[in-house]
Every structure is written in C-alpha cells, then in structure tokens.
N, C-alpha and C. Protein backbone atom coordinates (compact mmCIF):
# COMPACT_ATOMS: atom_id res chain seq x y z
N UNK A 1 10.87 -16.08 -10.86
CA UNK A 1 11.11 -14.98 -11.39
C UNK A 1 11.14 -14.65 -12.71
N UNK A 2 10.67 -13.81 -13.30
CA UNK A 2 10.58 -13.31 -14.73
C UNK A 2 11.05 -11.87 -15.10
N UNK A 3 12.48 -11.66 -15.28
CA UNK A 3 12.91 -10.24 -15.45
C UNK A 3 12.65 -9.59 -16.85
N UNK A 4 11.82 -10.53 -17.74
CA UNK A 4 11.67 -9.87 -18.99
C UNK A 4 10.89 -8.68 -19.09
N UNK A 5 9.67 -8.41 -17.99
CA UNK A 5 9.23 -7.22 -17.86
C UNK A 5 9.86 -5.89 -17.51
N UNK A 6 11.12 -6.28 -16.72
CA UNK A 6 11.72 -5.30 -16.34
C UNK A 6 12.76 -4.74 -17.41
N UNK A 7 13.41 -5.75 -18.29
CA UNK A 7 14.25 -5.68 -19.39
C UNK A 7 13.54 -4.86 -20.38
N UNK A 8 12.31 -4.77 -20.60
CA UNK A 8 11.47 -4.34 -21.89
C UNK A 8 11.02 -3.28 -21.33
N UNK A 9 11.34 -2.52 -19.84
CA UNK A 9 10.80 -1.08 -19.79
C UNK A 9 11.53 -0.07 -20.06
N UNK A 10 11.32 1.24 -19.51
CA UNK A 10 12.24 2.48 -19.75
C UNK A 10 13.55 2.18 -19.12
N UNK A 11 14.50 3.02 -19.40
CA UNK A 11 15.92 3.10 -18.53
C UNK A 11 15.50 3.77 -17.20
N UNK A 12 14.24 4.38 -17.19
CA UNK A 12 14.32 5.32 -15.80
C UNK A 12 13.88 4.13 -14.84
N UNK A 13 13.13 3.35 -15.18
CA UNK A 13 12.57 2.30 -14.33
C UNK A 13 13.68 1.24 -14.04
N UNK A 14 14.27 1.11 -14.86
CA UNK A 14 15.43 -0.15 -14.83
C UNK A 14 16.25 0.66 -13.52
N UNK A 15 16.58 1.62 -13.84
CA UNK A 15 17.51 2.47 -12.70
C UNK A 15 17.03 2.52 -11.64
N UNK A 16 15.57 2.90 -11.55
CA UNK A 16 14.90 3.00 -10.32
C UNK A 16 14.86 1.79 -9.67
N UNK A 17 14.63 0.65 -10.26
CA UNK A 17 14.62 -0.74 -9.41
C UNK A 17 15.94 -1.07 -8.72
N UNK A 18 16.81 -0.94 -9.82
CA UNK A 18 18.14 -1.45 -9.56
C UNK A 18 18.74 -0.17 -8.46
N UNK A 19 18.54 0.88 -8.07
CA UNK A 19 18.56 1.60 -7.28
C UNK A 19 17.95 1.23 -5.90
N UNK A 20 17.00 1.02 -6.03
CA UNK A 20 15.91 0.46 -4.80
C UNK A 20 16.54 -0.89 -4.00
N UNK A 21 16.81 -1.64 -5.07
CA UNK A 21 17.09 -2.88 -4.32
C UNK A 21 18.40 -3.06 -3.89
N UNK A 22 19.38 -2.25 -4.54
CA UNK A 22 20.83 -2.02 -3.99
C UNK A 22 20.59 -1.10 -2.19
N UNK A 23 19.54 -0.11 -2.33
CA UNK A 23 19.51 0.38 -1.14
C UNK A 23 19.08 -0.12 -0.11
N UNK A 24 17.99 -1.33 -0.51
CA UNK A 24 17.44 -2.13 0.46
C UNK A 24 18.35 -3.12 0.94
N UNK A 25 19.24 -3.75 0.19
CA UNK A 25 20.08 -4.58 0.57
C UNK A 25 21.36 -3.68 1.51
N UNK A 26 21.67 -2.65 1.33
CA UNK A 26 22.78 -1.72 1.77
C UNK A 26 22.19 -1.44 2.96
N UNK A 27 20.84 -0.98 3.08
CA UNK A 27 20.20 -0.29 4.26
C UNK A 27 19.85 -1.51 5.19
N UNK A 28 19.64 -2.85 5.09
CA UNK A 28 19.78 -3.92 5.88
C UNK A 28 21.15 -4.12 6.71
N UNK A 29 22.39 -4.08 5.81
CA UNK A 29 23.65 -4.00 6.12
C UNK A 29 23.95 -3.07 7.38
N UNK A 30 23.29 -1.73 6.71
CA UNK A 30 23.62 -0.47 7.87
C UNK A 30 22.99 -0.82 9.28
N UNK A 31 22.08 -1.78 9.32
CA UNK A 31 21.32 -1.86 10.66
C UNK A 31 22.28 -2.74 11.57
N UNK A 32 23.25 -3.54 10.88
CA UNK A 32 24.20 -4.51 11.25
C UNK A 32 25.46 -3.72 11.67
N UNK A 33 26.00 -2.75 10.90
CA UNK A 33 27.23 -2.30 11.14
C UNK A 33 27.22 -1.39 12.30
N UNK A 34 28.46 -1.62 12.90
CA UNK A 34 28.55 -0.51 14.20
C UNK A 34 28.80 1.01 13.73
N UNK A 35 27.85 1.58 14.52
CA UNK A 35 27.52 3.22 14.01
C UNK A 35 28.58 4.10 14.37
N UNK A 36 29.10 4.66 13.59
CA UNK A 36 30.07 5.76 13.81
C UNK A 36 31.42 5.54 12.88
N UNK A 37 31.48 4.15 12.76
CA UNK A 37 32.85 3.72 11.97
C UNK A 37 32.84 4.36 10.71
N UNK A 38 34.04 4.27 10.03
CA UNK A 38 34.42 4.84 8.66
C UNK A 38 33.68 3.66 7.89
N UNK A 39 33.39 2.45 8.34
CA UNK A 39 32.66 1.60 6.87
C UNK A 39 31.12 2.10 7.34
N UNK A 40 30.69 2.37 8.34
CA UNK A 40 29.40 2.90 8.36
C UNK A 40 29.00 4.03 7.56
N UNK A 41 29.98 4.98 7.92
CA UNK A 41 29.76 6.31 7.26
C UNK A 41 29.97 6.09 5.71
N UNK A 42 30.77 5.16 5.10
CA UNK A 42 31.02 5.39 3.75
C UNK A 42 29.73 4.50 2.98
N UNK A 43 29.16 3.16 3.78
CA UNK A 43 28.15 2.77 3.46
C UNK A 43 26.84 3.74 3.46
N UNK A 44 27.09 4.57 4.51
CA UNK A 44 25.73 5.47 4.37
C UNK A 44 25.62 6.55 3.54
N UNK A 45 26.85 6.99 2.89
CA UNK A 45 26.95 8.10 1.57
C UNK A 45 26.60 7.29 0.52
N UNK A 46 26.89 5.87 0.25
CA UNK A 46 26.50 5.10 -0.84
C UNK A 46 25.23 4.81 -0.68
N UNK A 47 24.42 4.87 0.35
CA UNK A 47 23.02 4.69 0.39
C UNK A 47 22.30 5.84 0.36
N UNK A 48 22.76 7.02 0.66
CA UNK A 48 22.26 8.19 0.42
C UNK A 48 22.17 8.60 -1.14
N UNK A 49 23.36 8.24 -1.43
CA UNK A 49 23.35 8.13 -3.34
C UNK A 49 22.33 7.45 -4.06
N UNK A 50 22.10 6.12 -3.33
CA UNK A 50 21.18 5.17 -4.05
C UNK A 50 19.73 5.65 -3.63
N UNK A 51 19.60 6.29 -2.48
CA UNK A 51 18.28 6.79 -2.12
C UNK A 51 17.91 8.03 -2.96
N UNK A 52 19.02 8.82 -3.14
CA UNK A 52 18.59 9.93 -4.13
C UNK A 52 18.18 9.71 -5.53
N UNK A 53 19.11 8.43 -6.13
CA UNK A 53 18.87 7.98 -7.29
C UNK A 53 17.30 7.31 -7.60
N UNK A 54 17.02 6.82 -6.56
CA UNK A 54 15.59 6.04 -6.58
C UNK A 54 14.60 7.36 -6.71
N UNK A 55 14.90 8.46 -5.76
CA UNK A 55 13.77 9.23 -5.99
C UNK A 55 13.82 10.06 -7.22
N UNK A 56 15.05 10.52 -7.58
CA UNK A 56 15.15 11.46 -8.73
C UNK A 56 14.58 10.66 -10.05
N UNK A 57 15.00 9.35 -10.39
CA UNK A 57 14.54 8.58 -11.33
C UNK A 57 13.10 8.35 -11.22
N UNK A 58 12.40 8.54 -10.21
CA UNK A 58 10.71 8.71 -10.24
C UNK A 58 10.35 9.64 -10.62
N UNK A 59 10.95 10.95 -10.73
CA UNK A 59 10.22 11.88 -11.43
C UNK A 59 10.28 11.65 -12.95
N UNK A 60 10.97 10.65 -13.75
CA UNK A 60 10.80 10.11 -14.99
C UNK A 60 9.98 8.95 -15.19
N UNK A 61 9.39 8.52 -14.27
CA UNK A 61 8.10 7.50 -14.34
C UNK A 61 6.88 8.20 -14.00
N UNK A 62 6.02 7.96 -15.17
CA UNK A 62 4.55 8.22 -15.21
C UNK A 62 3.43 7.17 -15.51
N UNK A 63 3.99 6.02 -14.55
CA UNK A 63 2.98 4.96 -15.12
C UNK A 63 1.77 5.23 -14.40
N UNK A 64 1.36 5.87 -13.27
CA UNK A 64 0.24 6.20 -12.83
C UNK A 64 0.45 7.93 -12.62
N UNK A 65 -0.75 8.05 -13.42
CA UNK A 65 -1.03 9.61 -13.64
C UNK A 65 -2.47 10.08 -12.96
N UNK A 66 -2.56 10.74 -11.89
CA UNK A 66 -3.36 11.11 -11.05
C UNK A 66 -3.55 12.69 -11.14
N UNK A 67 -2.55 13.23 -11.23
CA UNK A 67 -2.42 14.68 -11.44
C UNK A 67 -1.71 15.33 -12.64
N UNK A 68 -2.27 15.23 -13.82
CA UNK A 68 -1.18 15.62 -14.90
C UNK A 68 -0.42 14.25 -15.03
N UNK A 69 1.00 14.52 -15.25
CA UNK A 69 1.85 13.37 -15.01
C UNK A 69 2.34 12.50 -13.88
N UNK A 70 1.76 13.37 -12.66
CA UNK A 70 2.19 13.04 -11.44
C UNK A 70 1.36 12.19 -10.61
N UNK A 71 1.91 11.42 -9.63
CA UNK A 71 0.93 10.60 -8.61
C UNK A 71 1.34 10.89 -7.19
N UNK A 72 0.73 10.63 -6.41
CA UNK A 72 0.88 10.84 -4.77
C UNK A 72 2.70 10.34 -4.82
N UNK A 73 3.14 9.19 -5.32
CA UNK A 73 4.55 8.72 -5.03
C UNK A 73 5.51 9.66 -5.33
N UNK A 74 5.34 10.58 -6.10
CA UNK A 74 6.16 11.69 -6.65
C UNK A 74 6.39 12.84 -5.41
N UNK A 75 5.04 12.73 -4.28
CA UNK A 75 5.11 13.46 -3.15
C UNK A 75 6.38 12.87 -2.25
N UNK A 76 6.13 11.55 -2.09
CA UNK A 76 7.14 10.63 -1.37
C UNK A 76 8.66 10.95 -1.84
N UNK A 77 8.60 10.86 -3.13
CA UNK A 77 10.19 11.26 -3.72
C UNK A 77 10.58 12.53 -3.12
N UNK A 78 9.85 13.53 -3.17
CA UNK A 78 10.20 14.73 -2.66
C UNK A 78 10.77 14.65 -1.29
N UNK A 79 9.61 13.96 -0.49
CA UNK A 79 10.02 13.70 0.97
C UNK A 79 11.34 13.27 1.26
N UNK A 80 11.39 12.07 0.31
CA UNK A 80 12.73 11.53 0.51
C UNK A 80 13.72 12.34 0.41
N UNK A 81 14.01 13.18 -0.63
CA UNK A 81 15.19 14.14 -0.68
C UNK A 81 15.21 15.13 0.16
N UNK A 82 14.36 15.55 1.04
CA UNK A 82 14.38 16.41 2.17
C UNK A 82 14.93 15.91 3.28
N UNK A 83 14.31 14.52 3.29
CA UNK A 83 14.74 13.77 4.66
C UNK A 83 15.95 13.31 4.40
N UNK A 84 16.67 12.87 3.51
CA UNK A 84 18.28 12.72 3.34
C UNK A 84 18.99 13.77 3.58
N UNK A 85 18.65 14.92 3.17
CA UNK A 85 19.41 16.24 3.29
C UNK A 85 19.15 16.14 4.96
N UNK A 86 17.93 16.21 5.60
CA UNK A 86 17.75 16.59 7.05
C UNK A 86 18.57 15.31 7.67
N UNK A 87 18.69 14.31 7.30
CA UNK A 87 19.29 13.14 8.09
C UNK A 87 20.70 13.63 8.05
N UNK A 88 21.21 13.79 7.01
CA UNK A 88 22.75 14.17 7.08
C UNK A 88 23.06 15.51 7.78
N UNK A 89 22.35 16.38 7.62
CA UNK A 89 22.40 17.58 8.57
C UNK A 89 22.50 17.34 10.20
N UNK A 90 21.50 16.21 10.48
CA UNK A 90 21.39 15.86 11.89
C UNK A 90 22.85 15.18 12.26
N UNK A 91 23.03 14.26 11.38
CA UNK A 91 24.61 13.66 11.66
C UNK A 91 25.60 14.38 11.72
N UNK A 92 25.89 15.52 10.93
CA UNK A 92 26.72 16.39 11.01
C UNK A 92 26.45 17.36 12.34
N UNK A 93 25.49 17.67 12.80
CA UNK A 93 25.20 18.46 13.90
C UNK A 93 25.44 17.57 14.94
N UNK A 94 25.55 16.26 15.06
CA UNK A 94 26.05 15.59 16.36
C UNK A 94 24.70 15.00 16.68
N UNK A 95 23.51 15.34 16.23
CA UNK A 95 22.29 14.83 16.78
C UNK A 95 22.22 13.34 16.18
N UNK A 96 22.76 12.29 16.86
CA UNK A 96 22.64 10.84 16.32
C UNK A 96 21.18 10.31 16.48
N UNK A 97 20.54 10.88 17.53
CA UNK A 97 19.26 10.11 17.50
C UNK A 97 18.45 10.70 16.14
N UNK A 98 18.62 12.02 16.01
CA UNK A 98 17.80 12.32 14.70
C UNK A 98 18.15 11.84 13.22
N UNK A 99 19.37 11.90 13.25
CA UNK A 99 20.25 11.08 12.21
C UNK A 99 19.55 9.59 12.05
N UNK A 100 19.63 9.04 13.04
CA UNK A 100 19.06 7.62 12.94
C UNK A 100 17.78 7.48 12.97
N UNK A 101 16.59 8.57 13.28
CA UNK A 101 15.46 8.29 13.10
C UNK A 101 14.99 8.51 11.53
N UNK A 102 15.92 9.42 11.16
CA UNK A 102 15.21 10.09 9.85
C UNK A 102 15.91 9.21 8.66
N UNK A 103 16.83 8.23 8.84
CA UNK A 103 17.39 7.33 8.01
C UNK A 103 16.76 6.06 8.25
N UNK A 104 16.27 5.71 9.44
CA UNK A 104 15.51 4.42 9.38
C UNK A 104 13.95 4.65 9.07
N UNK A 105 13.60 5.72 9.22
CA UNK A 105 12.15 6.06 8.73
C UNK A 105 12.16 5.94 7.12
N UNK A 106 13.21 6.40 6.50
CA UNK A 106 13.48 6.29 5.04
C UNK A 106 13.63 4.88 4.42
N UNK A 107 13.88 4.18 5.44
CA UNK A 107 14.06 2.82 5.13
C UNK A 107 12.77 2.14 5.13
N UNK A 108 12.22 2.07 5.97
CA UNK A 108 10.95 1.68 6.39
C UNK A 108 9.82 2.05 5.71
N UNK A 109 9.66 3.64 5.47
CA UNK A 109 8.51 3.95 4.69
C UNK A 109 8.88 4.14 3.14
N UNK A 110 9.96 4.73 2.59
CA UNK A 110 10.39 4.96 1.32
C UNK A 110 10.79 3.36 0.85
N UNK A 111 11.15 2.87 1.09
CA UNK A 111 12.07 1.54 0.49
C UNK A 111 11.10 0.58 0.79
N UNK A 112 10.65 0.11 2.18
CA UNK A 112 9.86 -1.05 2.44
C UNK A 112 8.24 -0.87 2.03
N UNK A 113 7.80 0.48 2.80
CA UNK A 113 6.53 0.76 2.42
C UNK A 113 6.12 0.97 0.92
N UNK A 114 6.65 1.92 0.26
CA UNK A 114 6.75 2.01 -1.02
C UNK A 114 6.77 0.82 -1.96
N UNK A 115 7.73 -0.09 -1.57
CA UNK A 115 8.27 -1.34 -2.40
C UNK A 115 7.15 -2.17 -2.28
N UNK A 116 6.41 -2.24 -1.03
CA UNK A 116 5.42 -3.20 -1.00
C UNK A 116 4.04 -2.87 -1.92
N UNK A 117 4.13 -1.70 -2.26
CA UNK A 117 3.05 -1.23 -3.16
C UNK A 117 3.24 -1.48 -4.64
N UNK A 118 4.74 -1.79 -4.87
CA UNK A 118 5.00 -2.20 -6.28
C UNK A 118 4.43 -4.00 -6.36
N UNK A 119 4.38 -4.36 -5.38
CA UNK A 119 4.36 -5.75 -5.45
C UNK A 119 2.56 -6.30 -5.77
N UNK A 120 1.85 -5.40 -5.71
CA UNK A 120 0.51 -5.59 -5.81
C UNK A 120 0.43 -6.21 -7.41
N UNK A 121 -1.06 -7.13 -7.34
CA UNK A 121 -1.05 -7.68 -8.68
C UNK A 121 -1.50 -6.79 -9.67
N UNK A 122 -1.05 -6.98 -10.72
CA UNK A 122 -1.30 -5.88 -11.64
C UNK A 122 -0.02 -4.85 -11.98
N UNK A 123 0.76 -4.85 -10.82
CA UNK A 123 1.97 -3.83 -11.22
C UNK A 123 3.11 -4.74 -11.72
N UNK A 124 4.31 -4.07 -12.61
CA UNK A 124 5.38 -4.85 -12.88
C UNK A 124 6.03 -5.86 -12.19
N UNK A 125 6.34 -5.10 -10.81
CA UNK A 125 7.21 -6.05 -10.07
C UNK A 125 6.55 -7.00 -9.67
N UNK A 126 5.12 -7.21 -9.55
CA UNK A 126 4.51 -8.23 -9.21
C UNK A 126 4.77 -9.33 -9.95
N UNK A 127 4.55 -8.87 -11.50
CA UNK A 127 4.98 -9.92 -12.57
C UNK A 127 6.36 -10.20 -12.57
N UNK A 128 7.45 -9.35 -12.38
CA UNK A 128 8.90 -9.90 -12.08
C UNK A 128 8.91 -11.01 -10.86
N UNK A 129 8.55 -10.80 -9.75
CA UNK A 129 8.77 -11.54 -8.98
C UNK A 129 7.77 -12.87 -8.59
N UNK A 130 6.67 -12.51 -9.17
CA UNK A 130 5.85 -13.83 -8.89
C UNK A 130 5.40 -14.58 -10.30
N UNK A 131 5.95 -13.76 -11.32
CA UNK A 131 5.67 -14.44 -12.70
C UNK A 131 4.18 -14.20 -13.23
C-alpha cells in the first residue's frame, strides 16, 4: 500500500476517499446489527452522513471530464443523494422493506460498484492499494 498519491491530492479527493472507506466499513457493520435498535439507527445516521459526504465531495472532483467538468459518476452522486432521502423517508413511514432496499442498493452500487472502478489500472486508488 502506498498512501503518497492520496496525500498528494486535493482535499476533496482525500475527504471523498476517507468518507467512502468509513461508509464501507460501517455499512458492513450495519448488515450485522439488529435492525430497528438504537444502535442500528445511530449507525445509520452516521452512514447517511458519510454517504452524503461521499456524494457531495464528488462535485469538487473533476479528474474525468466528459461533459464540461462533469462525468457520469456525478449522476451517481445525484442519485445517491436522492436515494438517501428516499431511504430515510421509507424508514420513517414504516416501510422497512423499502428502506432496506434503498440503503442496501446504495451500499452495493454506490460504494462497491463505483469503488471497484477506482481500482482499475491507471486510477489513483489502484496505485494506492496495489502500488
């Protein structure tokens, strides 16, 4: 592991990576916590904050520019913010199935799926992880 590329990059990218790694770890923990407990709810709010930080920080990252400053990943960030809101709304309405689907989908697609692309050769996180 070589953290130098990460330490030599913008604050937005550093925040993005830290929030994503913490959200990934907390997301795994959430799958094992008993649902509906105070611990699950508290961890869930922290996870939502981390995911919002991941999505919002992406708007300050412009390493891939396909349409002006933007890339398709920014569409995922908008989708993430909408799904965070929708997932919370479903939980508050008592639709626990909808809540679970929304949050699990974000974990799989926004964290694991998008995160996998950061590990492709030539990307900074590939260099960080694999040297």
